[in-house]
Every structure is written in C-alpha cells, then in structure tokens.
Amino acid sequence: MRDLHIAYRGGDEASGGVFVVETVAPKGYELESHRHKHAHTSVLVSGIADVTVDGKRTRYEGYNLITIPAGSVHSVAAITPIIWLCLWAADKAPREEVEESLKLAPSRSACGSCPGGCEPV
C-alpha cells in the first residue's frame, strides 16, 4: 500500500468539473468526524472500513459505493489498510472547503480487534 495521504485530483474543465479526494490510510487510522453542505459519492476501493453517518456505523468491504447525505456528520475508520475516494462536483463544493474539513488521524473509535467492535474513547 502507498504511504498515508490525502490527495486532491481534478476539478478543472479537463476532468468535467469533478474532483476526487483520494485517502490512503493504514489500519487504525480514520478520517475524523466532519460534515459537508453537499452530498457526495464515496468509493471504498480496497480494504475494510467502518463508516459512521449520523451516529450509525456500518462496516464495508471494498469495492463498494457509498453515498454520504448532505449535512450528515460522518467518519471513516480503516479496519484494514484502505483506499477511499470521494467524488465532488467542483461547482457544488469548492475544493478549499473540502480540504479544510478532512483530517486523517489515528483512530479513537475502531481498531477492528475487539469482538463486536470498539467503543469511542
């Protein structure tokens, strides 16, 4: 797996006004809880992740498409190493707004090792 990172790609005319946020995270890291004004489609390309949307946690295995509703508080915890993509319409959600909202950090809510899942600390 590539190094831990969040990368922003596209968003220009050549990409049809769509930009992609690519997150590569090892087991035990998460995109911390955040919200956006607009809905967006996410793709768990590979790995296993717990996705929490407005307090409801669901475990997904890649390859999987997930829609995150507008205004929902959500986070993504890497249970195994993951590659996670978010697709954005650049005219609906300015890249700068998205960049400010995303933080990748060691997970506090899920390690994947506890029977039935871990509780937040």
N, C-alpha and C. Protein backbone atom coordinates (compact mmCIF):
# COMPACT_ATOMS: atom_id res chain seq x y z
N MET A 1 0.85 -1.19 0.00
CA MET A 1 0.00 0.00 0.00
C MET A 1 0.88 1.23 0.00
N ARG A 2 0.42 2.25 -0.69
CA ARG A 2 1.14 3.52 -0.71
C ARG A 2 1.10 4.18 0.66
N ASP A 3 1.93 5.20 0.84
CA ASP A 3 2.00 5.91 2.12
C ASP A 3 0.68 6.57 2.47
N LEU A 4 0.51 6.80 3.77
CA LEU A 4 -0.64 7.52 4.30
C LEU A 4 -0.72 8.90 3.64
N HIS A 5 -1.88 9.21 3.06
CA HIS A 5 -2.03 10.54 2.47
C HIS A 5 -3.48 10.86 2.11
N ILE A 6 -3.72 12.14 1.92
CA ILE A 6 -4.95 12.63 1.29
C ILE A 6 -4.48 13.45 0.10
N ALA A 7 -4.97 13.09 -1.09
CA ALA A 7 -4.59 13.79 -2.32
C ALA A 7 -5.84 14.29 -3.03
N TYR A 8 -5.73 15.43 -3.67
CA TYR A 8 -6.84 16.05 -4.40
C TYR A 8 -6.48 16.06 -5.88
N ARG A 9 -7.41 15.54 -6.71
CA ARG A 9 -7.14 15.41 -8.15
C ARG A 9 -8.32 15.95 -8.95
N GLY A 10 -8.01 16.60 -10.07
CA GLY A 10 -9.05 17.08 -10.97
C GLY A 10 -9.67 18.38 -10.52
N GLY A 11 -10.95 18.54 -10.89
CA GLY A 11 -11.69 19.75 -10.55
C GLY A 11 -11.66 20.81 -11.63
N ASP A 12 -10.95 20.53 -12.71
CA ASP A 12 -10.84 21.50 -13.79
C ASP A 12 -11.73 21.10 -14.97
N GLU A 13 -11.68 21.88 -16.01
CA GLU A 13 -12.51 21.61 -17.19
C GLU A 13 -12.17 20.25 -17.81
N ALA A 14 -10.89 19.89 -17.80
CA ALA A 14 -10.48 18.61 -18.40
C ALA A 14 -11.08 17.41 -17.66
N SER A 15 -11.40 17.59 -16.37
CA SER A 15 -11.98 16.48 -15.59
C SER A 15 -13.50 16.61 -15.48
N GLY A 16 -14.09 17.49 -16.28
CA GLY A 16 -15.54 17.64 -16.27
C GLY A 16 -16.07 18.34 -15.04
N GLY A 17 -15.20 19.10 -14.36
CA GLY A 17 -15.63 19.81 -13.17
C GLY A 17 -15.82 18.92 -11.96
N VAL A 18 -15.25 17.72 -12.01
CA VAL A 18 -15.34 16.79 -10.88
C VAL A 18 -13.94 16.66 -10.29
N PHE A 19 -13.86 16.71 -8.95
CA PHE A 19 -12.57 16.39 -8.35
C PHE A 19 -12.73 15.20 -7.43
N VAL A 20 -11.62 14.51 -7.25
CA VAL A 20 -11.58 13.30 -6.45
C VAL A 20 -10.64 13.54 -5.28
N VAL A 21 -11.10 13.16 -4.11
CA VAL A 21 -10.25 13.17 -2.92
C VAL A 21 -9.86 11.72 -2.68
N GLU A 22 -8.57 11.43 -2.74
CA GLU A 22 -8.07 10.07 -2.51
C GLU A 22 -7.42 10.01 -1.14
N THR A 23 -7.93 9.10 -0.30
CA THR A 23 -7.35 8.89 1.02
C THR A 23 -6.78 7.48 1.06
N VAL A 24 -5.51 7.38 1.41
CA VAL A 24 -4.85 6.09 1.62
C VAL A 24 -4.48 6.06 3.10
N ALA A 25 -5.02 5.06 3.80
CA ALA A 25 -4.81 5.01 5.25
C ALA A 25 -4.50 3.59 5.69
N PRO A 26 -3.57 3.43 6.62
CA PRO A 26 -3.30 2.11 7.18
C PRO A 26 -4.35 1.75 8.22
N LYS A 27 -4.37 0.50 8.59
CA LYS A 27 -5.24 0.02 9.69
C LYS A 27 -5.03 0.92 10.90
N GLY A 28 -6.15 1.27 11.54
CA GLY A 28 -6.06 2.05 12.76
C GLY A 28 -6.10 3.55 12.56
N TYR A 29 -6.26 4.03 11.32
CA TYR A 29 -6.39 5.46 11.05
C TYR A 29 -7.82 5.76 10.62
N GLU A 30 -8.22 7.04 10.75
CA GLU A 30 -9.56 7.41 10.33
C GLU A 30 -9.60 8.84 9.80
N LEU A 31 -10.55 9.05 8.88
CA LEU A 31 -10.96 10.40 8.52
C LEU A 31 -11.89 10.82 9.65
N GLU A 32 -11.47 11.81 10.42
CA GLU A 32 -12.23 12.19 11.61
C GLU A 32 -13.61 12.72 11.25
N SER A 33 -14.51 12.73 12.23
CA SER A 33 -15.88 13.19 12.01
C SER A 33 -15.89 14.59 11.43
N HIS A 34 -16.70 14.75 10.40
CA HIS A 34 -16.83 16.03 9.72
C HIS A 34 -18.15 16.05 8.97
N ARG A 35 -18.50 17.19 8.41
CA ARG A 35 -19.72 17.29 7.59
C ARG A 35 -19.46 18.25 6.44
N HIS A 36 -20.24 18.07 5.39
CA HIS A 36 -20.19 18.94 4.22
C HIS A 36 -21.61 19.40 3.90
N LYS A 37 -21.72 20.54 3.24
CA LYS A 37 -23.03 21.09 2.86
C LYS A 37 -23.71 20.25 1.79
N HIS A 38 -22.91 19.56 0.98
CA HIS A 38 -23.46 18.82 -0.16
C HIS A 38 -23.24 17.32 -0.02
N ALA A 39 -24.15 16.55 -0.59
CA ALA A 39 -23.98 15.10 -0.64
C ALA A 39 -22.79 14.77 -1.54
N HIS A 40 -22.22 13.61 -1.32
CA HIS A 40 -21.15 13.16 -2.23
C HIS A 40 -21.12 11.64 -2.26
N THR A 41 -20.59 11.14 -3.35
CA THR A 41 -20.41 9.70 -3.53
C THR A 41 -19.00 9.34 -3.11
N SER A 42 -18.87 8.26 -2.36
CA SER A 42 -17.56 7.76 -1.95
C SER A 42 -17.39 6.34 -2.45
N VAL A 43 -16.14 5.97 -2.65
CA VAL A 43 -15.82 4.62 -3.13
C VAL A 43 -14.76 4.04 -2.20
N LEU A 44 -15.11 2.94 -1.55
CA LEU A 44 -14.10 2.17 -0.83
C LEU A 44 -13.49 1.25 -1.88
N VAL A 45 -12.32 1.63 -2.38
CA VAL A 45 -11.68 0.88 -3.46
C VAL A 45 -11.16 -0.46 -2.95
N SER A 46 -10.51 -0.42 -1.79
CA SER A 46 -9.97 -1.65 -1.23
C SER A 46 -9.91 -1.55 0.29
N GLY A 47 -9.92 -2.71 0.92
CA GLY A 47 -9.82 -2.78 2.37
C GLY A 47 -11.18 -2.89 3.04
N ILE A 48 -11.16 -2.79 4.36
CA ILE A 48 -12.37 -2.84 5.18
C ILE A 48 -12.41 -1.58 6.02
N ALA A 49 -13.56 -0.91 6.03
CA ALA A 49 -13.71 0.34 6.78
C ALA A 49 -15.05 0.38 7.49
N ASP A 50 -15.05 0.99 8.68
CA ASP A 50 -16.28 1.31 9.38
C ASP A 50 -16.62 2.75 9.02
N VAL A 51 -17.79 2.94 8.42
CA VAL A 51 -18.25 4.27 8.03
C VAL A 51 -19.40 4.64 8.97
N THR A 52 -19.24 5.73 9.67
CA THR A 52 -20.27 6.20 10.60
C THR A 52 -20.91 7.44 10.02
N VAL A 53 -22.24 7.38 9.86
CA VAL A 53 -23.00 8.51 9.32
C VAL A 53 -24.10 8.83 10.33
N ASP A 54 -24.05 10.04 10.87
CA ASP A 54 -25.03 10.49 11.88
C ASP A 54 -25.22 9.46 12.98
N GLY A 55 -24.09 8.92 13.46
CA GLY A 55 -24.12 8.00 14.60
C GLY A 55 -24.34 6.54 14.27
N LYS A 56 -24.65 6.22 13.03
CA LYS A 56 -24.88 4.82 12.65
C LYS A 56 -23.63 4.28 11.93
N ARG A 57 -23.01 3.26 12.54
CA ARG A 57 -21.79 2.68 11.98
C ARG A 57 -22.13 1.46 11.13
N THR A 58 -21.54 1.41 9.93
CA THR A 58 -21.71 0.29 9.01
C THR A 58 -20.33 -0.15 8.54
N ARG A 59 -20.08 -1.43 8.52
CA ARG A 59 -18.81 -1.96 8.03
C ARG A 59 -18.95 -2.29 6.54
N TYR A 60 -17.98 -1.83 5.75
CA TYR A 60 -17.95 -2.08 4.31
C TYR A 60 -16.65 -2.74 3.93
N GLU A 61 -16.71 -3.57 2.88
CA GLU A 61 -15.52 -4.14 2.25
C GLU A 61 -15.42 -3.58 0.86
N GLY A 62 -14.19 -3.26 0.44
CA GLY A 62 -14.00 -2.74 -0.91
C GLY A 62 -14.10 -3.87 -1.91
N TYR A 63 -14.61 -3.59 -2.97
CA TYR A 63 -15.04 -2.41 -3.68
C TYR A 63 -16.50 -2.12 -3.33
N ASN A 64 -16.79 -0.86 -2.92
CA ASN A 64 -18.14 -0.52 -2.52
C ASN A 64 -18.39 0.97 -2.75
N LEU A 65 -19.58 1.31 -3.24
CA LEU A 65 -20.01 2.70 -3.42
C LEU A 65 -20.91 3.09 -2.26
N ILE A 66 -20.66 4.27 -1.69
CA ILE A 66 -21.43 4.74 -0.54
C ILE A 66 -21.81 6.20 -0.81
N THR A 67 -23.07 6.56 -0.60
CA THR A 67 -23.49 7.96 -0.73
C THR A 67 -23.57 8.56 0.66
N ILE A 68 -22.91 9.69 0.83
CA ILE A 68 -22.93 10.41 2.11
C ILE A 68 -23.92 11.57 1.93
N PRO A 69 -25.03 11.58 2.69
CA PRO A 69 -26.03 12.63 2.53
C PRO A 69 -25.51 14.02 2.93
N ALA A 70 -26.06 15.03 2.31
CA ALA A 70 -25.71 16.41 2.63
C ALA A 70 -25.94 16.68 4.11
N GLY A 71 -25.00 17.39 4.73
CA GLY A 71 -25.16 17.81 6.11
C GLY A 71 -24.96 16.74 7.17
N SER A 72 -24.67 15.51 6.78
CA SER A 72 -24.52 14.44 7.76
C SER A 72 -23.11 14.46 8.36
N VAL A 73 -23.03 14.16 9.64
CA VAL A 73 -21.74 14.02 10.31
C VAL A 73 -21.25 12.61 9.99
N HIS A 74 -20.04 12.50 9.46
CA HIS A 74 -19.55 11.19 9.06
C HIS A 74 -18.05 11.05 9.30
N SER A 75 -17.62 9.78 9.45
CA SER A 75 -16.21 9.46 9.61
C SER A 75 -15.96 8.11 8.95
N VAL A 76 -14.70 7.83 8.67
CA VAL A 76 -14.30 6.58 8.03
C VAL A 76 -13.11 6.03 8.79
N ALA A 77 -13.25 4.85 9.40
CA ALA A 77 -12.18 4.21 10.17
C ALA A 77 -11.65 3.01 9.40
N ALA A 78 -10.34 2.99 9.19
CA ALA A 78 -9.69 1.89 8.48
C ALA A 78 -9.50 0.70 9.41
N ILE A 79 -10.24 -0.37 9.15
CA ILE A 79 -10.10 -1.61 9.92
C ILE A 79 -8.92 -2.41 9.39
N THR A 80 -8.72 -2.34 8.07
CA THR A 80 -7.53 -2.83 7.40
C THR A 80 -7.00 -1.64 6.59
N PRO A 81 -5.85 -1.75 5.97
CA PRO A 81 -5.42 -0.65 5.09
C PRO A 81 -6.50 -0.40 4.03
N ILE A 82 -6.78 0.88 3.75
CA ILE A 82 -7.83 1.22 2.80
C ILE A 82 -7.36 2.24 1.76
N ILE A 83 -8.06 2.21 0.65
CA ILE A 83 -8.04 3.30 -0.32
C ILE A 83 -9.48 3.76 -0.45
N TRP A 84 -9.73 5.03 -0.14
CA TRP A 84 -11.07 5.62 -0.08
C TRP A 84 -11.10 6.84 -0.99
N LEU A 85 -12.06 6.89 -1.89
CA LEU A 85 -12.21 8.03 -2.79
C LEU A 85 -13.52 8.75 -2.51
N CYS A 86 -13.51 10.07 -2.59
CA CYS A 86 -14.73 10.89 -2.55
C CYS A 86 -14.79 11.68 -3.85
N LEU A 87 -15.96 11.66 -4.49
CA LEU A 87 -16.13 12.38 -5.75
C LEU A 87 -17.00 13.61 -5.49
N TRP A 88 -16.55 14.74 -6.01
CA TRP A 88 -17.19 16.02 -5.75
C TRP A 88 -17.43 16.79 -7.04
N ALA A 89 -18.58 17.42 -7.15
CA ALA A 89 -18.84 18.39 -8.21
C ALA A 89 -18.22 19.71 -7.75
N ALA A 90 -17.20 20.16 -8.48
CA ALA A 90 -16.45 21.34 -8.05
C ALA A 90 -17.33 22.59 -7.93
N ASP A 91 -18.41 22.66 -8.70
CA ASP A 91 -19.28 23.84 -8.61
C ASP A 91 -20.21 23.78 -7.39
N LYS A 92 -20.38 22.63 -6.79
CA LYS A 92 -21.25 22.47 -5.61
C LYS A 92 -20.46 22.58 -4.30
N ALA A 93 -19.24 22.11 -4.31
CA ALA A 93 -18.41 22.11 -3.10
C ALA A 93 -17.00 22.54 -3.47
N PRO A 94 -16.67 23.79 -3.20
CA PRO A 94 -15.31 24.25 -3.54
C PRO A 94 -14.24 23.40 -2.87
N ARG A 95 -13.20 23.12 -3.62
CA ARG A 95 -12.11 22.27 -3.12
C ARG A 95 -11.57 22.76 -1.78
N GLU A 96 -11.41 24.05 -1.63
CA GLU A 96 -10.86 24.60 -0.39
C GLU A 96 -11.74 24.23 0.82
N GLU A 97 -13.06 24.26 0.62
CA GLU A 97 -13.99 23.90 1.69
C GLU A 97 -13.81 22.44 2.10
N VAL A 98 -13.63 21.58 1.11
CA VAL A 98 -13.45 20.15 1.39
C VAL A 98 -12.10 19.92 2.07
N GLU A 99 -11.05 20.57 1.59
CA GLU A 99 -9.72 20.40 2.18
C GLU A 99 -9.71 20.77 3.66
N GLU A 100 -10.41 21.84 4.02
CA GLU A 100 -10.45 22.29 5.41
C GLU A 100 -11.16 21.29 6.32
N SER A 101 -12.08 20.51 5.78
CA SER A 101 -12.89 19.63 6.62
C SER A 101 -12.27 18.25 6.85
N LEU A 102 -11.28 17.86 6.08
CA LEU A 102 -10.75 16.49 6.17
C LEU A 102 -9.47 16.41 6.98
N LYS A 103 -9.48 15.54 8.00
CA LYS A 103 -8.31 15.31 8.84
C LYS A 103 -8.15 13.80 9.02
N LEU A 104 -6.94 13.32 8.78
CA LEU A 104 -6.62 11.90 8.91
C LEU A 104 -5.76 11.74 10.17
N ALA A 105 -6.20 10.87 11.08
CA ALA A 105 -5.50 10.71 12.37
C ALA A 105 -5.64 9.27 12.86
N PRO A 106 -4.81 8.89 13.84
CA PRO A 106 -5.01 7.57 14.45
C PRO A 106 -6.44 7.47 14.98
N SER A 107 -7.05 6.33 14.77
CA SER A 107 -8.44 6.12 15.15
C SER A 107 -8.62 6.08 16.65
N ARG A 108 -9.71 6.70 17.12
CA ARG A 108 -10.09 6.63 18.52
C ARG A 108 -11.31 5.75 18.69
N SER A 109 -11.95 5.38 17.55
CA SER A 109 -13.25 4.72 17.68
C SER A 109 -13.28 3.27 17.23
N ALA A 110 -12.34 2.83 16.43
CA ALA A 110 -12.42 1.46 15.94
C ALA A 110 -11.04 0.94 15.58
N CYS A 111 -10.68 -0.18 16.15
CA CYS A 111 -9.39 -0.77 15.82
C CYS A 111 -9.56 -2.08 15.05
N GLY A 112 -10.77 -2.62 15.05
CA GLY A 112 -11.00 -3.86 14.35
C GLY A 112 -10.62 -5.09 15.14
N SER A 113 -10.11 -4.92 16.36
CA SER A 113 -9.65 -6.06 17.15
C SER A 113 -10.62 -6.52 18.22
N CYS A 114 -11.58 -5.68 18.58
CA CYS A 114 -12.50 -6.00 19.67
C CYS A 114 -13.69 -6.80 19.16
N PRO A 115 -14.10 -7.84 19.89
CA PRO A 115 -15.32 -8.56 19.47
C PRO A 115 -16.50 -7.59 19.45
N GLY A 116 -17.21 -7.55 18.35
CA GLY A 116 -18.37 -6.66 18.24
C GLY A 116 -18.02 -5.22 17.97
N GLY A 117 -16.73 -4.91 17.80
CA GLY A 117 -16.33 -3.52 17.52
C GLY A 117 -15.92 -2.80 18.78
N CYS A 118 -15.20 -1.71 18.61
CA CYS A 118 -14.69 -0.93 19.73
C CYS A 118 -15.60 0.26 20.00
N GLU A 119 -15.57 0.73 21.21
CA GLU A 119 -16.32 1.91 21.60
C GLU A 119 -15.39 3.11 21.55
N PRO A 120 -15.93 4.30 21.27
CA PRO A 120 -15.08 5.51 21.30
C PRO A 120 -14.46 5.69 22.68
N VAL A 121 -13.26 6.26 22.70
CA VAL A 121 -12.57 6.50 23.99
C VAL A 121 -12.66 7.95 24.36
